[in-house]
Amino acid sequence: MNLIAYGIHSHAAHYRLERGVLFDDVMVPPPLLSFSTIQFRQLGYKMIDAIVDYRSNIEKHPVRSEVAPGYLAEKLPESAPTQPEGLDAILSDVQTHIMPGITHWQHPSFFSWYPANSSYPALLGDMLSSALGVVGFAWIGSPAATELETVTLDWLARFLRLPNAFLSTGTTGGGGVIQGTASEAALVALLAARARALDGRDPGADGPRLVAYTTDQAHSCVKKACAVAGIQHLRLLPTSAERGWALDPATLEAAMTADEGHGLMPFFLTTLIGTTSSAAVDPVAELAAVARRHGAWVHVDAAYAGVFACLPDQHDLYFQGLEGVDSFSTNPHKGMLVTFDCSALWVQNSFWLRTALSLEPQFQFAGLRHAAEHLDYKDWQVPLGRRFRALKLWFVLRMYGTERLQAYLRHHLDMAKALAQLVEADPAFDIIATPRFGLVCFAPRGASEEESTALLERVNASGRTFMVHTRLGGRHVWRLAVGGVHTQWRHVEEVWALVQKVVGGGEA
């Protein structure tokens, strides 16, 4: 190779040439970058086999992990390996060290919290997203990533029978966006509400006057959103068993009126459809009417229950009045078979969302073509970067179809209803909250909190199921959330038999 012919006269070039180091040698990629396609194909097949084996044999695992905190550090080396290790060695360590520390959310007897369902179509979509490796913060970053998200969120909105104002094709400037979680959706909605309340002004002067409202049944994400946004006043309004743990519109009216009388400014209300504790449902239409009279933004947190809006009877029972709300969120990654994370947020008008979150670094976006003709989802979320999450939702909607998804959700409703009937028929237990969606809340009759806690731990320690508790009206309450991707009626029957046996004094 003649370096002079390429105009390379530097001392460094002569230094390399004298020592037999050619320019071509410098440009050879290191071994890390030369991972062959043949190798990846072989390892990919092996990984798929491992995933299928795990999912097919998941019932062999105890549902809840029983390791102690800090268990893993002593089992792994202090430092990363200096030389490559094979996939077989890594998968061996997964079985030996990682699996004992896994609580198996896809186990058919996982009845804890709410489901976080995964499916093979979602896994395929996620694989493709990882392979493409795009960062779709702006339309130009990958036009298909932005536009598929817009189209797919419109599909989902229609499937859930949301008002047309939430569609990108509507007349109000609305549309949907995929957030990571309902917590992010709540924060983003609150920031939009703050921007609207202050008409886009800096919150410095009037910010301390702003008041947010929700109920004492709300998820902690509302409190966290207020803390992050610097909202000093959050009213956690009381609910009661008599009203099914739903917020009374009269309570909201009184709170907002009182705050206005003290010179404060109601600006944000989070209403709930399917609370974390008991799946309670607020009277959204009535609450929205109160909030509108006081100029407050209305956000609906339906993180768990929102997907059930696709069922006509559930929509008629619990999802009326959405025309009067400003934003609505639900998590397809809970009950709709889309691998975590995928939280859908819709707004009726995106103007205040973009006002709150759009910061345009000129060096990144100046001079882009079609600047006025597209949306950039970076302006609809807190972070700049974002994964191509629409792919897995698109795969699920296409590979299952809406009718099968409805049947899947109906199956969970039917199993939960049948379980509630079993609980009601047993004099050793009390139903504590009206069963809704896939959740049944009950408690051992006459048990103290200490006794109830100990009994639930015995059930969970069996390894045959996993449930968590909540507190309703000062009582320790067991929650059994039916909704696992592999859950069949026999699994519900088995866990109910286990519960009866333990509460009856038998061994788990």
Foldseek 3Di string as FASTA:
>chain_A
DDVVVVVDDDPVQVVCVVVVHDPVNVPDDDPVVPCDPVNCVVVVVVVVVVVVVCLVPVLVFQQAQDDDPPPQVVVDDPDDDPDDDDPVVVVVCCVVRVVSHDRHLQDQQAFAQFGQFADPLQVVLVVVLVVVVFWQQFCVSPVCLQVLQLVLQQVLCVLLPFDPLLHCPDDQAKTKDWDQAVLQLLLLLVLLLVCVVVVLDDCVPQQQQEAEEEAPLADCSNVVSCVVVVRPHYYHFYDAVVQQRADDLVSVLVVLVVSVVVVGAYAEYEFEQQGRAARGAYPQQSNLVSCVVRHYAYEYEHAAPSSLSSPPVCVVVGVPNSVSHFKYKYACSGFPNNHGGTIMMMGSHCVSSLSSQDDDDCVVDPPDPPVVPGDRCSSNGHDSTDTSSSSSSVSSCVVQPSVNSNVLQVQLVVLQVVLLVVQVVDPQKDFRGDDDRNKTKMFGPPDDQVRRVVLQVQLSVVSLHDYAWDAHPNDTITMGGRRRPPHDNVSVVVSVVSSVQSSVPHHD
